[in-house]
Amino acid sequence: MIFHRYLRCTAFIVDDIGCLLSVVIHKANLHDTKMGYWATGLATFTYPTLKKICGDGGYRGSFVYEAHKYFDLEVEISKKLKAHSWQVLPKRWKVERTFAWLNHSRRLLKDYELFTSSAETMIKISHIHTLLKRL
């Protein structure tokens, strides 16, 4: 199935040092909590020792319940910031750093992929390239 290139969202799960555990690219009409659940399922299948994950405010509610019920994971949701203050969210910067690393890939700078599966593959290839450069 072909999706329009501007109507996609990405759900990432990374570890403490920014290594990609799972990635799911989905249509924009699907809510992030549902696809975050899918990404969590992929991560817990690949890494069964995963015990706790962190998320932003968009993952409150059903995602926390389902992650605990089906995957026995503790979910920590970051706190909301005040309206006129800026500060680094405690663990959010790890995901943002991974996004910044991926932006060094020319192929990912613009969304050239027609299929979500090829977009996921390009993200994985770019991340492997970043990790190999750091060896």
N, C-alpha and C. Protein backbone atom coordinates (compact mmCIF):
# COMPACT_ATOMS: atom_id res chain seq x y z
N MET A 1 0.84 -1.17 0.00
CA MET A 1 0.00 0.00 0.00
C MET A 1 0.89 1.25 0.00
N ILE A 2 0.57 2.22 -0.79
CA ILE A 2 1.35 3.45 -0.89
C ILE A 2 0.69 4.53 -0.04
N PHE A 3 1.49 5.20 0.75
CA PHE A 3 1.00 6.29 1.57
C PHE A 3 1.65 7.58 1.10
N HIS A 4 0.91 8.65 1.17
CA HIS A 4 1.46 9.95 0.80
C HIS A 4 2.60 10.31 1.74
N ARG A 5 3.67 10.85 1.20
CA ARG A 5 4.89 11.03 1.99
C ARG A 5 4.74 12.01 3.15
N TYR A 6 3.82 12.92 3.10
CA TYR A 6 3.69 13.90 4.18
C TYR A 6 2.69 13.48 5.25
N LEU A 7 2.12 12.31 5.11
CA LEU A 7 1.11 11.86 6.06
C LEU A 7 1.63 10.67 6.87
N ARG A 8 2.84 10.78 7.41
CA ARG A 8 3.42 9.70 8.19
C ARG A 8 3.92 10.21 9.53
N CYS A 9 3.92 9.30 10.49
CA CYS A 9 4.48 9.57 11.81
C CYS A 9 5.39 8.42 12.18
N THR A 10 6.22 8.63 13.16
CA THR A 10 7.20 7.63 13.55
C THR A 10 7.12 7.39 15.05
N ALA A 11 7.16 6.13 15.44
CA ALA A 11 7.26 5.75 16.85
C ALA A 11 8.62 5.08 17.05
N PHE A 12 9.44 5.64 17.93
CA PHE A 12 10.78 5.16 18.21
C PHE A 12 10.85 4.62 19.62
N ILE A 13 11.65 3.60 19.83
CA ILE A 13 12.06 3.20 21.17
C ILE A 13 13.57 3.07 21.12
N VAL A 14 14.26 3.83 21.97
CA VAL A 14 15.72 3.80 22.05
C VAL A 14 16.14 3.47 23.47
N ASP A 15 17.37 3.01 23.63
CA ASP A 15 17.88 2.74 24.97
C ASP A 15 18.57 3.98 25.52
N ASP A 16 19.26 3.84 26.65
CA ASP A 16 19.85 4.99 27.33
C ASP A 16 20.94 5.68 26.53
N ILE A 17 21.64 4.94 25.69
CA ILE A 17 22.72 5.57 24.92
C ILE A 17 22.29 5.95 23.50
N GLY A 18 21.01 5.77 23.19
CA GLY A 18 20.48 6.21 21.91
C GLY A 18 20.43 5.16 20.83
N CYS A 19 20.70 3.90 21.17
CA CYS A 19 20.61 2.83 20.18
C CYS A 19 19.15 2.49 19.92
N LEU A 20 18.84 2.32 18.67
CA LEU A 20 17.47 2.08 18.24
C LEU A 20 17.04 0.66 18.62
N LEU A 21 15.96 0.54 19.41
CA LEU A 21 15.43 -0.77 19.76
C LEU A 21 14.31 -1.17 18.82
N SER A 22 13.44 -0.25 18.49
CA SER A 22 12.39 -0.53 17.50
C SER A 22 11.93 0.78 16.88
N VAL A 23 11.43 0.67 15.68
CA VAL A 23 10.89 1.82 14.97
C VAL A 23 9.66 1.35 14.20
N VAL A 24 8.61 2.15 14.25
CA VAL A 24 7.39 1.88 13.49
C VAL A 24 6.98 3.18 12.81
N ILE A 25 6.82 3.13 11.51
CA ILE A 25 6.33 4.29 10.76
C ILE A 25 4.89 3.99 10.37
N HIS A 26 4.02 4.94 10.58
CA HIS A 26 2.60 4.69 10.36
C HIS A 26 1.93 5.90 9.75
N LYS A 27 0.71 5.69 9.31
CA LYS A 27 -0.07 6.79 8.74
C LYS A 27 -0.41 7.78 9.84
N ALA A 28 -0.59 9.01 9.47
CA ALA A 28 -0.85 10.06 10.45
C ALA A 28 -2.24 9.98 11.05
N ASN A 29 -3.15 9.22 10.44
CA ASN A 29 -4.50 9.14 11.00
C ASN A 29 -4.60 8.11 12.12
N LEU A 30 -3.51 7.40 12.43
CA LEU A 30 -3.47 6.48 13.56
C LEU A 30 -2.86 7.19 14.76
N HIS A 31 -3.44 7.02 15.92
CA HIS A 31 -2.95 7.72 17.10
C HIS A 31 -1.63 7.14 17.57
N ASP A 32 -0.77 8.00 18.11
CA ASP A 32 0.56 7.57 18.56
C ASP A 32 0.50 6.51 19.65
N THR A 33 -0.53 6.52 20.48
CA THR A 33 -0.59 5.51 21.54
C THR A 33 -0.77 4.12 20.96
N LYS A 34 -1.54 3.99 19.90
CA LYS A 34 -1.73 2.67 19.27
C LYS A 34 -0.45 2.18 18.62
N MET A 35 0.23 3.05 17.89
CA MET A 35 1.45 2.63 17.22
C MET A 35 2.64 2.56 18.20
N GLY A 36 2.57 3.33 19.26
CA GLY A 36 3.57 3.17 20.32
C GLY A 36 3.44 1.80 20.96
N TYR A 37 2.21 1.33 21.06
CA TYR A 37 1.97 -0.02 21.57
C TYR A 37 2.59 -1.05 20.64
N TRP A 38 2.47 -0.84 19.33
CA TRP A 38 3.06 -1.74 18.35
C TRP A 38 4.59 -1.72 18.47
N ALA A 39 5.19 -0.53 18.58
CA ALA A 39 6.65 -0.42 18.72
C ALA A 39 7.12 -1.07 20.02
N THR A 40 6.33 -0.92 21.07
CA THR A 40 6.68 -1.56 22.34
C THR A 40 6.63 -3.07 22.22
N GLY A 41 5.66 -3.59 21.50
CA GLY A 41 5.57 -5.03 21.27
C GLY A 41 6.79 -5.56 20.53
N LEU A 42 7.24 -4.82 19.50
CA LEU A 42 8.44 -5.23 18.77
C LEU A 42 9.68 -5.19 19.66
N ALA A 43 9.78 -4.15 20.49
CA ALA A 43 10.95 -4.03 21.36
C ALA A 43 10.97 -5.12 22.43
N THR A 44 9.82 -5.43 23.02
CA THR A 44 9.80 -6.46 24.07
C THR A 44 9.97 -7.86 23.48
N PHE A 45 9.58 -8.06 22.23
CA PHE A 45 9.83 -9.35 21.59
C PHE A 45 11.32 -9.55 21.33
N THR A 46 11.98 -8.48 20.86
CA THR A 46 13.41 -8.56 20.56
C THR A 46 14.25 -8.52 21.83
N TYR A 47 13.84 -7.72 22.80
CA TYR A 47 14.59 -7.54 24.05
C TYR A 47 13.67 -7.90 25.22
N PRO A 48 13.56 -9.18 25.56
CA PRO A 48 12.60 -9.60 26.60
C PRO A 48 12.96 -9.13 28.01
N THR A 49 14.17 -8.63 28.23
CA THR A 49 14.55 -8.15 29.56
C THR A 49 14.14 -6.70 29.79
N LEU A 50 13.48 -6.08 28.84
CA LEU A 50 13.01 -4.70 28.98
C LEU A 50 12.00 -4.61 30.11
N LYS A 51 12.22 -3.73 31.08
CA LYS A 51 11.33 -3.62 32.24
C LYS A 51 10.62 -2.28 32.36
N LYS A 52 11.22 -1.21 31.81
CA LYS A 52 10.65 0.12 32.00
C LYS A 52 10.88 0.95 30.74
N ILE A 53 9.87 1.71 30.36
CA ILE A 53 10.01 2.63 29.24
C ILE A 53 9.50 4.00 29.67
N CYS A 54 9.97 5.01 28.98
CA CYS A 54 9.56 6.39 29.26
C CYS A 54 8.88 6.96 28.02
N GLY A 55 7.93 7.83 28.23
CA GLY A 55 7.23 8.45 27.12
C GLY A 55 6.83 9.87 27.45
N ASP A 56 6.41 10.61 26.43
CA ASP A 56 5.96 11.97 26.69
C ASP A 56 4.47 11.96 27.00
N GLY A 57 3.91 13.12 27.17
CA GLY A 57 2.53 13.25 27.61
C GLY A 57 1.49 12.65 26.68
N GLY A 58 1.82 12.48 25.40
CA GLY A 58 0.88 11.90 24.46
C GLY A 58 0.59 10.43 24.70
N TYR A 59 1.39 9.79 25.54
CA TYR A 59 1.23 8.36 25.80
C TYR A 59 0.55 8.08 27.13
N ARG A 60 -0.11 9.07 27.70
CA ARG A 60 -0.88 8.83 28.94
C ARG A 60 -2.11 7.99 28.63
N GLY A 61 -2.66 7.39 29.65
CA GLY A 61 -3.94 6.71 29.50
C GLY A 61 -3.83 5.28 29.03
N SER A 62 -4.41 4.99 27.88
CA SER A 62 -4.53 3.61 27.41
C SER A 62 -3.18 2.96 27.16
N PHE A 63 -2.20 3.73 26.71
CA PHE A 63 -0.88 3.15 26.44
C PHE A 63 -0.24 2.62 27.72
N VAL A 64 -0.33 3.39 28.80
CA VAL A 64 0.24 2.97 30.08
C VAL A 64 -0.44 1.69 30.56
N TYR A 65 -1.76 1.65 30.46
CA TYR A 65 -2.52 0.48 30.89
C TYR A 65 -2.16 -0.75 30.06
N GLU A 66 -2.13 -0.61 28.73
CA GLU A 66 -1.86 -1.75 27.86
C GLU A 66 -0.42 -2.23 27.98
N ALA A 67 0.52 -1.32 28.13
CA ALA A 67 1.92 -1.73 28.29
C ALA A 67 2.12 -2.52 29.57
N HIS A 68 1.42 -2.11 30.62
CA HIS A 68 1.54 -2.85 31.88
C HIS A 68 0.81 -4.18 31.81
N LYS A 69 -0.37 -4.19 31.20
CA LYS A 69 -1.18 -5.41 31.15
C LYS A 69 -0.57 -6.48 30.24
N TYR A 70 -0.17 -6.10 29.04
CA TYR A 70 0.27 -7.08 28.06
C TYR A 70 1.77 -7.36 28.08
N PHE A 71 2.58 -6.36 28.42
CA PHE A 71 4.03 -6.54 28.37
C PHE A 71 4.69 -6.49 29.74
N ASP A 72 3.92 -6.25 30.79
CA ASP A 72 4.44 -6.14 32.15
C ASP A 72 5.56 -5.10 32.24
N LEU A 73 5.33 -3.95 31.62
CA LEU A 73 6.30 -2.86 31.60
C LEU A 73 5.80 -1.71 32.47
N GLU A 74 6.72 -1.10 33.17
CA GLU A 74 6.41 0.13 33.90
C GLU A 74 6.63 1.29 32.92
N VAL A 75 5.68 2.19 32.83
CA VAL A 75 5.77 3.33 31.92
C VAL A 75 5.88 4.60 32.73
N GLU A 76 6.91 5.36 32.47
CA GLU A 76 7.11 6.66 33.13
C GLU A 76 6.80 7.76 32.12
N ILE A 77 5.83 8.60 32.45
CA ILE A 77 5.42 9.70 31.58
C ILE A 77 6.07 10.98 32.08
N SER A 78 6.71 11.73 31.15
CA SER A 78 7.36 12.98 31.55
C SER A 78 6.32 14.02 31.94
N LYS A 79 6.71 14.88 32.84
CA LYS A 79 5.82 15.91 33.36
C LYS A 79 5.64 17.03 32.36
N LYS A 80 4.50 17.72 32.44
CA LYS A 80 4.26 18.89 31.59
C LYS A 80 5.07 20.06 32.10
N LEU A 81 5.51 20.90 31.17
CA LEU A 81 6.25 22.10 31.53
C LEU A 81 5.28 23.27 31.67
N LYS A 82 5.72 24.28 32.41
CA LYS A 82 4.92 25.50 32.50
C LYS A 82 4.91 26.19 31.14
N ALA A 83 3.93 27.03 30.95
CA ALA A 83 3.70 27.65 29.63
C ALA A 83 4.89 28.48 29.14
N HIS A 84 5.55 29.24 29.99
CA HIS A 84 6.59 30.15 29.54
C HIS A 84 7.97 29.76 30.04
N SER A 85 8.19 28.49 30.24
CA SER A 85 9.52 28.07 30.70
C SER A 85 10.10 27.07 29.71
N TRP A 86 11.41 27.02 29.67
CA TRP A 86 12.10 26.06 28.82
C TRP A 86 13.08 25.30 29.67
N GLN A 87 13.08 23.99 29.53
CA GLN A 87 14.06 23.16 30.21
C GLN A 87 14.15 21.83 29.48
N VAL A 88 15.27 21.16 29.67
CA VAL A 88 15.47 19.87 29.05
C VAL A 88 14.66 18.83 29.82
N LEU A 89 13.81 18.08 29.12
CA LEU A 89 13.07 17.02 29.77
C LEU A 89 14.03 15.89 30.12
N PRO A 90 13.88 15.28 31.28
CA PRO A 90 14.88 14.37 31.79
C PRO A 90 15.36 13.28 30.83
N LYS A 91 14.47 12.58 30.17
CA LYS A 91 14.90 11.48 29.31
C LYS A 91 14.51 11.69 27.86
N ARG A 92 13.76 12.70 27.58
CA ARG A 92 13.30 12.98 26.21
C ARG A 92 14.46 13.31 25.28
N TRP A 93 15.53 13.91 25.81
CA TRP A 93 16.65 14.32 24.97
C TRP A 93 17.34 13.12 24.32
N LYS A 94 17.20 11.93 24.91
CA LYS A 94 17.83 10.74 24.32
C LYS A 94 17.18 10.39 22.99
N VAL A 95 15.87 10.51 22.92
CA VAL A 95 15.17 10.26 21.66
C VAL A 95 15.45 11.38 20.67
N GLU A 96 15.45 12.62 21.16
CA GLU A 96 15.72 13.76 20.28
C GLU A 96 17.14 13.69 19.72
N ARG A 97 18.09 13.19 20.50
CA ARG A 97 19.46 13.02 20.03
C ARG A 97 19.49 11.99 18.90
N THR A 98 18.71 10.92 19.03
CA THR A 98 18.66 9.91 17.98
C THR A 98 18.06 10.49 16.70
N PHE A 99 17.02 11.32 16.83
CA PHE A 99 16.47 12.01 15.66
C PHE A 99 17.53 12.91 15.02
N ALA A 100 18.32 13.60 15.83
CA ALA A 100 19.37 14.47 15.29
C ALA A 100 20.42 13.65 14.54
N TRP A 101 20.79 12.50 15.07
CA TRP A 101 21.75 11.63 14.38
C TRP A 101 21.18 11.19 13.02
N LEU A 102 19.90 10.87 12.99
CA LEU A 102 19.29 10.43 11.74
C LEU A 102 19.20 11.55 10.72
N ASN A 103 19.15 12.79 11.17
CA ASN A 103 19.09 13.92 10.24
C ASN A 103 20.39 14.13 9.49
N HIS A 104 21.47 13.47 9.91
CA HIS A 104 22.73 13.56 9.17
C HIS A 104 22.68 12.72 7.89
N SER A 105 21.71 11.83 7.80
CA SER A 105 21.54 11.02 6.61
C SER A 105 20.80 11.82 5.55
N ARG A 106 21.40 11.97 4.41
CA ARG A 106 20.80 12.78 3.35
C ARG A 106 19.48 12.18 2.87
N ARG A 107 19.40 10.86 2.86
CA ARG A 107 18.20 10.19 2.38
C ARG A 107 17.02 10.45 3.32
N LEU A 108 17.29 10.65 4.61
CA LEU A 108 16.22 10.87 5.57
C LEU A 108 15.90 12.35 5.77
N LEU A 109 16.74 13.22 5.23
CA LEU A 109 16.51 14.64 5.39
C LEU A 109 15.19 15.07 4.74
N LYS A 110 14.92 14.51 3.60
CA LYS A 110 13.63 14.69 2.93
C LYS A 110 12.98 13.32 2.87
N ASP A 111 11.69 13.29 2.83
CA ASP A 111 10.98 12.01 2.84
C ASP A 111 10.79 11.52 1.41
N TYR A 112 11.75 10.73 0.93
CA TYR A 112 11.71 10.24 -0.45
C TYR A 112 10.96 8.91 -0.59
N GLU A 113 10.76 8.20 0.49
CA GLU A 113 10.23 6.85 0.42
C GLU A 113 8.72 6.85 0.15
N LEU A 114 8.28 5.91 -0.67
CA LEU A 114 6.85 5.78 -0.95
C LEU A 114 6.18 4.80 -0.01
N PHE A 115 6.91 3.79 0.44
CA PHE A 115 6.36 2.75 1.31
C PHE A 115 6.87 2.94 2.74
N THR A 116 6.02 2.63 3.70
CA THR A 116 6.46 2.74 5.09
C THR A 116 7.54 1.72 5.42
N SER A 117 7.49 0.56 4.80
CA SER A 117 8.51 -0.46 5.08
C SER A 117 9.88 0.00 4.59
N SER A 118 9.96 0.66 3.44
CA SER A 118 11.25 1.15 2.97
C SER A 118 11.74 2.33 3.81
N ALA A 119 10.82 3.13 4.33
CA ALA A 119 11.23 4.23 5.21
C ALA A 119 11.80 3.68 6.52
N GLU A 120 11.17 2.63 7.08
CA GLU A 120 11.72 2.00 8.29
C GLU A 120 13.10 1.41 8.02
N THR A 121 13.26 0.78 6.88
CA THR A 121 14.55 0.19 6.52
C THR A 121 15.62 1.26 6.39
N MET A 122 15.29 2.39 5.77
CA MET A 122 16.29 3.47 5.63
C MET A 122 16.67 4.05 6.98
N ILE A 123 15.73 4.13 7.91
CA ILE A 123 16.06 4.59 9.26
C ILE A 123 17.02 3.61 9.92
N LYS A 124 16.76 2.32 9.77
CA LYS A 124 17.65 1.32 10.38
C LYS A 124 19.03 1.35 9.75
N ILE A 125 19.11 1.48 8.43
CA ILE A 125 20.41 1.55 7.75
C ILE A 125 21.17 2.79 8.19
N SER A 126 20.49 3.92 8.28
CA SER A 126 21.14 5.14 8.72
C SER A 126 21.66 5.02 10.15
N HIS A 127 20.88 4.37 11.00
CA HIS A 127 21.31 4.20 12.39
C HIS A 127 22.50 3.26 12.48
N ILE A 128 22.50 2.20 11.69
CA ILE A 128 23.65 1.29 11.66
C ILE A 128 24.89 2.04 11.19
N HIS A 129 24.75 2.89 10.18
CA HIS A 129 25.87 3.69 9.68
C HIS A 129 26.41 4.62 10.78
N THR A 130 25.51 5.24 11.52
CA THR A 130 25.92 6.12 12.62
C THR A 130 26.67 5.35 13.69
N LEU A 131 26.19 4.17 14.05
CA LEU A 131 26.85 3.37 15.07
C LEU A 131 28.21 2.88 14.60
N LEU A 132 28.33 2.50 13.35
CA LEU A 132 29.62 2.04 12.82
C LEU A 132 30.65 3.17 12.76
N LYS A 133 30.20 4.39 12.49
CA LYS A 133 31.12 5.52 12.50
C LYS A 133 31.67 5.79 13.90
N ARG A 134 30.91 5.44 14.92
CA ARG A 134 31.31 5.71 16.30
C ARG A 134 32.21 4.63 16.89
N LEU A 135 32.45 3.53 16.17
CA LEU A 135 33.34 2.48 16.68
C LEU A 135 34.77 2.92 16.74
